[in-house]
Amino acid sequence: MADQCRVGVLKAPHVEIQQTKEVTTVTINPEFGNVTGTKDKDYDIIWFTEACLSNVLRLETYIEDAGLAGDAELADFFRRAQHESRKGAEEGKKLLAKRLGVRA
């Protein structure tokens, strides 16, 4: 159909979204370790843990920026968020170690 030109494609680890002018199609492609060699649920824990650790680092910059701007309230907000991200990373590491049968 000539009037259904492709507008964009977004790919995530398990989801592909194709959008045309008229229709948006979502395809879920579960990965059970056949392609990557890593079970989907293990990958999810790894991704979550990495995202938490990355967030801890990013928030350090935000804390510094707020401090330089003299905004103690904002700096404190980012410190609390950073603390929660650290907790998430630690929980993710422990869970992954338990499921993989190794010491954290």
N, C-alpha and C. Protein backbone atom coordinates (compact mmCIF):
# COMPACT_ATOMS: atom_id res chain seq x y z
N MET A 1 0.84 -1.18 0.00
CA MET A 1 0.00 0.00 0.00
C MET A 1 0.88 1.24 0.00
N ALA A 2 0.78 2.03 -1.00
CA ALA A 2 1.66 3.17 -1.19
C ALA A 2 1.53 4.21 -0.10
N ASP A 3 0.33 4.38 0.46
CA ASP A 3 0.13 5.42 1.46
C ASP A 3 0.54 4.96 2.87
N GLN A 4 1.02 3.72 3.02
CA GLN A 4 1.49 3.23 4.32
C GLN A 4 3.02 3.23 4.36
N CYS A 5 3.63 4.37 4.22
CA CYS A 5 5.07 4.43 4.26
C CYS A 5 5.57 4.23 5.68
N ARG A 6 6.73 3.68 5.80
CA ARG A 6 7.32 3.37 7.10
C ARG A 6 7.82 4.65 7.75
N VAL A 7 7.35 4.93 8.96
CA VAL A 7 7.73 6.14 9.67
C VAL A 7 8.91 5.88 10.58
N GLY A 8 8.93 4.75 11.29
CA GLY A 8 10.04 4.49 12.19
C GLY A 8 9.99 3.10 12.77
N VAL A 9 11.15 2.63 13.23
CA VAL A 9 11.26 1.34 13.88
C VAL A 9 12.04 1.54 15.17
N LEU A 10 11.53 0.97 16.27
CA LEU A 10 12.20 1.03 17.57
C LEU A 10 12.43 -0.40 18.00
N LYS A 11 13.67 -0.74 18.34
CA LYS A 11 13.97 -2.09 18.79
C LYS A 11 14.45 -2.07 20.23
N ALA A 12 13.94 -2.98 21.02
CA ALA A 12 14.37 -3.22 22.39
C ALA A 12 14.76 -4.69 22.44
N PRO A 13 15.31 -5.17 23.56
CA PRO A 13 15.75 -6.57 23.61
C PRO A 13 14.66 -7.57 23.21
N HIS A 14 13.41 -7.30 23.50
CA HIS A 14 12.37 -8.28 23.25
C HIS A 14 11.18 -7.72 22.49
N VAL A 15 11.22 -6.47 22.11
CA VAL A 15 10.06 -5.85 21.49
C VAL A 15 10.50 -5.08 20.26
N GLU A 16 9.77 -5.22 19.19
CA GLU A 16 10.00 -4.40 18.01
C GLU A 16 8.71 -3.67 17.70
N ILE A 17 8.81 -2.36 17.54
CA ILE A 17 7.64 -1.55 17.24
C ILE A 17 7.85 -0.94 15.86
N GLN A 18 6.93 -1.20 14.96
CA GLN A 18 6.97 -0.60 13.64
C GLN A 18 5.76 0.31 13.50
N GLN A 19 6.03 1.52 13.05
CA GLN A 19 4.95 2.49 12.96
C GLN A 19 4.84 2.99 11.53
N THR A 20 3.64 2.98 11.01
CA THR A 20 3.37 3.58 9.70
C THR A 20 2.43 4.75 9.95
N LYS A 21 2.07 5.43 8.91
CA LYS A 21 1.16 6.55 9.07
C LYS A 21 -0.19 6.10 9.59
N GLU A 22 -0.59 4.87 9.27
CA GLU A 22 -1.92 4.40 9.65
C GLU A 22 -1.93 3.41 10.81
N VAL A 23 -0.85 2.62 10.99
CA VAL A 23 -0.89 1.50 11.93
C VAL A 23 0.42 1.43 12.71
N THR A 24 0.31 1.11 13.98
CA THR A 24 1.48 0.79 14.79
C THR A 24 1.39 -0.68 15.16
N THR A 25 2.45 -1.43 14.84
CA THR A 25 2.48 -2.87 15.11
C THR A 25 3.54 -3.14 16.16
N VAL A 26 3.19 -3.91 17.17
CA VAL A 26 4.13 -4.30 18.21
C VAL A 26 4.31 -5.81 18.13
N THR A 27 5.56 -6.24 17.99
CA THR A 27 5.88 -7.66 17.94
C THR A 27 6.72 -7.99 19.16
N ILE A 28 6.28 -8.96 19.94
CA ILE A 28 7.06 -9.39 21.10
C ILE A 28 7.80 -10.65 20.69
N ASN A 29 9.12 -10.62 20.87
CA ASN A 29 9.96 -11.74 20.49
C ASN A 29 10.67 -12.25 21.73
N PRO A 30 10.06 -13.20 22.46
CA PRO A 30 10.70 -13.69 23.68
C PRO A 30 12.00 -14.41 23.36
N GLU A 31 13.00 -14.20 24.18
CA GLU A 31 14.30 -14.82 24.00
C GLU A 31 14.53 -15.71 25.20
N PHE A 32 14.63 -17.00 24.99
CA PHE A 32 14.77 -17.94 26.08
C PHE A 32 16.18 -18.49 26.19
N GLY A 33 17.16 -17.75 25.69
CA GLY A 33 18.54 -18.18 25.76
C GLY A 33 19.03 -18.85 24.51
N ASN A 34 18.16 -19.08 23.55
CA ASN A 34 18.56 -19.74 22.31
C ASN A 34 19.48 -18.86 21.47
N VAL A 35 19.26 -17.57 21.49
CA VAL A 35 20.06 -16.65 20.68
C VAL A 35 21.25 -16.13 21.47
N THR A 36 21.02 -15.63 22.68
CA THR A 36 22.09 -15.00 23.45
C THR A 36 22.86 -15.97 24.33
N GLY A 37 22.27 -17.13 24.63
CA GLY A 37 22.91 -18.05 25.56
C GLY A 37 22.62 -17.70 27.00
N THR A 38 21.83 -16.66 27.22
CA THR A 38 21.46 -16.23 28.57
C THR A 38 19.95 -16.28 28.69
N LYS A 39 19.47 -16.95 29.72
CA LYS A 39 18.03 -17.02 29.91
C LYS A 39 17.47 -15.62 30.08
N ASP A 40 16.27 -15.40 29.58
CA ASP A 40 15.62 -14.09 29.63
C ASP A 40 15.58 -13.53 31.04
N LYS A 41 15.18 -14.32 32.01
CA LYS A 41 15.05 -13.81 33.37
C LYS A 41 16.41 -13.44 33.95
N ASP A 42 17.46 -14.17 33.62
CA ASP A 42 18.80 -13.82 34.09
C ASP A 42 19.26 -12.51 33.46
N TYR A 43 19.00 -12.36 32.18
CA TYR A 43 19.33 -11.12 31.49
C TYR A 43 18.61 -9.94 32.14
N ASP A 44 17.35 -10.14 32.48
CA ASP A 44 16.58 -9.06 33.10
C ASP A 44 17.19 -8.62 34.42
N ILE A 45 17.66 -9.57 35.21
CA ILE A 45 18.30 -9.21 36.49
C ILE A 45 19.60 -8.47 36.22
N ILE A 46 20.37 -8.94 35.25
CA ILE A 46 21.63 -8.27 34.90
C ILE A 46 21.35 -6.85 34.43
N TRP A 47 20.35 -6.69 33.56
CA TRP A 47 20.01 -5.36 33.05
C TRP A 47 19.59 -4.45 34.18
N PHE A 48 18.73 -4.94 35.06
CA PHE A 48 18.24 -4.13 36.17
C PHE A 48 19.40 -3.67 37.06
N THR A 49 20.30 -4.59 37.38
CA THR A 49 21.43 -4.26 38.25
C THR A 49 22.33 -3.21 37.60
N GLU A 50 22.61 -3.39 36.32
CA GLU A 50 23.45 -2.43 35.60
C GLU A 50 22.77 -1.06 35.54
N ALA A 51 21.46 -1.06 35.32
CA ALA A 51 20.73 0.22 35.26
C ALA A 51 20.79 0.94 36.60
N CYS A 52 20.66 0.19 37.69
CA CYS A 52 20.75 0.81 39.03
C CYS A 52 22.14 1.39 39.26
N LEU A 53 23.19 0.63 38.91
CA LEU A 53 24.55 1.12 39.10
C LEU A 53 24.83 2.34 38.23
N SER A 54 24.35 2.31 37.00
CA SER A 54 24.51 3.46 36.11
C SER A 54 23.80 4.68 36.68
N ASN A 55 22.62 4.46 37.25
CA ASN A 55 21.85 5.54 37.85
C ASN A 55 22.60 6.16 39.04
N VAL A 56 23.25 5.31 39.85
CA VAL A 56 24.03 5.82 40.98
C VAL A 56 25.09 6.80 40.48
N LEU A 57 25.78 6.43 39.42
CA LEU A 57 26.83 7.30 38.87
C LEU A 57 26.23 8.59 38.30
N ARG A 58 25.15 8.48 37.56
CA ARG A 58 24.52 9.67 36.97
C ARG A 58 24.03 10.63 38.05
N LEU A 59 23.45 10.06 39.11
CA LEU A 59 22.93 10.90 40.18
C LEU A 59 24.04 11.64 40.92
N GLU A 60 25.24 11.09 40.93
CA GLU A 60 26.37 11.80 41.55
C GLU A 60 26.60 13.14 40.86
N THR A 61 26.48 13.14 39.54
CA THR A 61 26.61 14.39 38.78
C THR A 61 25.50 15.36 39.13
N TYR A 62 24.28 14.84 39.25
CA TYR A 62 23.15 15.70 39.59
C TYR A 62 23.29 16.28 40.99
N ILE A 63 23.81 15.50 41.91
CA ILE A 63 24.04 15.98 43.28
C ILE A 63 25.06 17.11 43.27
N GLU A 64 26.13 16.92 42.52
CA GLU A 64 27.15 17.97 42.40
C GLU A 64 26.59 19.24 41.76
N ASP A 65 25.80 19.07 40.71
CA ASP A 65 25.19 20.23 40.04
C ASP A 65 24.28 21.00 40.99
N ALA A 66 23.46 20.27 41.74
CA ALA A 66 22.56 20.93 42.69
C ALA A 66 23.35 21.64 43.77
N GLY A 67 24.42 21.01 44.24
CA GLY A 67 25.27 21.64 45.25
C GLY A 67 25.92 22.92 44.74
N LEU A 68 26.41 22.87 43.51
CA LEU A 68 27.02 24.06 42.92
C LEU A 68 26.01 25.19 42.73
N ALA A 69 24.75 24.81 42.51
CA ALA A 69 23.70 25.81 42.34
C ALA A 69 23.15 26.28 43.69
N GLY A 70 23.64 25.69 44.78
CA GLY A 70 23.18 26.09 46.11
C GLY A 70 21.79 25.57 46.45
N ASP A 71 21.36 24.52 45.78
CA ASP A 71 20.02 23.97 46.00
C ASP A 71 20.13 22.70 46.86
N ALA A 72 20.17 22.88 48.16
CA ALA A 72 20.33 21.77 49.09
C ALA A 72 19.15 20.80 49.04
N GLU A 73 17.96 21.33 48.85
CA GLU A 73 16.78 20.46 48.78
C GLU A 73 16.89 19.49 47.60
N LEU A 74 17.30 20.00 46.44
CA LEU A 74 17.44 19.16 45.26
C LEU A 74 18.58 18.16 45.43
N ALA A 75 19.68 18.62 46.00
CA ALA A 75 20.81 17.71 46.24
C ALA A 75 20.39 16.58 47.17
N ASP A 76 19.62 16.89 48.21
CA ASP A 76 19.14 15.86 49.13
C ASP A 76 18.20 14.89 48.42
N PHE A 77 17.34 15.41 47.57
CA PHE A 77 16.43 14.57 46.79
C PHE A 77 17.23 13.56 45.95
N PHE A 78 18.27 14.05 45.26
CA PHE A 78 19.09 13.17 44.44
C PHE A 78 19.88 12.18 45.29
N ARG A 79 20.31 12.57 46.48
CA ARG A 79 21.00 11.64 47.38
C ARG A 79 20.08 10.49 47.81
N ARG A 80 18.83 10.81 48.11
CA ARG A 80 17.87 9.76 48.48
C ARG A 80 17.63 8.81 47.30
N ALA A 81 17.49 9.38 46.12
CA ALA A 81 17.29 8.56 44.92
C ALA A 81 18.52 7.68 44.68
N GLN A 82 19.69 8.24 44.89
CA GLN A 82 20.93 7.49 44.71
C GLN A 82 21.01 6.33 45.71
N HIS A 83 20.60 6.58 46.93
CA HIS A 83 20.58 5.54 47.96
C HIS A 83 19.67 4.39 47.54
N GLU A 84 18.49 4.71 47.01
CA GLU A 84 17.56 3.68 46.57
C GLU A 84 18.12 2.90 45.38
N SER A 85 18.82 3.58 44.49
CA SER A 85 19.44 2.89 43.35
C SER A 85 20.54 1.95 43.82
N ARG A 86 21.32 2.37 44.81
CA ARG A 86 22.34 1.47 45.39
C ARG A 86 21.69 0.23 45.98
N LYS A 87 20.57 0.43 46.70
CA LYS A 87 19.86 -0.71 47.29
C LYS A 87 19.38 -1.66 46.19
N GLY A 88 18.83 -1.11 45.13
CA GLY A 88 18.37 -1.94 44.02
C GLY A 88 19.51 -2.74 43.39
N ALA A 89 20.66 -2.09 43.23
CA ALA A 89 21.82 -2.78 42.66
C ALA A 89 22.29 -3.91 43.56
N GLU A 90 22.34 -3.66 44.86
CA GLU A 90 22.77 -4.70 45.80
C GLU A 90 21.79 -5.87 45.80
N GLU A 91 20.50 -5.57 45.79
CA GLU A 91 19.51 -6.64 45.75
C GLU A 91 19.63 -7.43 44.45
N GLY A 92 19.84 -6.74 43.35
CA GLY A 92 20.00 -7.42 42.07
C GLY A 92 21.23 -8.31 42.06
N LYS A 93 22.35 -7.84 42.59
CA LYS A 93 23.57 -8.65 42.65
C LYS A 93 23.35 -9.90 43.49
N LYS A 94 22.70 -9.74 44.64
CA LYS A 94 22.45 -10.90 45.51
C LYS A 94 21.54 -11.91 44.84
N LEU A 95 20.48 -11.43 44.22
CA LEU A 95 19.54 -12.32 43.56
C LEU A 95 20.21 -13.06 42.40
N LEU A 96 20.99 -12.35 41.62
CA LEU A 96 21.68 -12.98 40.50
C LEU A 96 22.67 -14.02 40.99
N ALA A 97 23.42 -13.70 42.03
CA ALA A 97 24.38 -14.65 42.57
C ALA A 97 23.68 -15.90 43.08
N LYS A 98 22.58 -15.71 43.74
CA LYS A 98 21.79 -16.85 44.26
C LYS A 98 21.31 -17.74 43.12
N ARG A 99 20.80 -17.11 42.08
CA ARG A 99 20.25 -17.88 40.97
C ARG A 99 21.33 -18.54 40.13
N LEU A 100 22.51 -17.96 40.11
CA LEU A 100 23.62 -18.55 39.34
C LEU A 100 24.48 -19.47 40.19
N GLY A 101 24.18 -19.50 41.50
CA GLY A 101 24.90 -20.39 42.40
C GLY A 101 26.32 -19.96 42.70
N VAL A 102 26.53 -18.63 42.81
CA VAL A 102 27.87 -18.10 43.14
C VAL A 102 27.76 -17.16 44.32
N ARG A 103 28.89 -16.82 44.91
CA ARG A 103 28.90 -15.88 46.04
C ARG A 103 28.92 -14.45 45.51
N ALA A 104 28.17 -13.58 46.17
CA ALA A 104 28.12 -12.18 45.75
C ALA A 104 29.27 -11.40 46.35
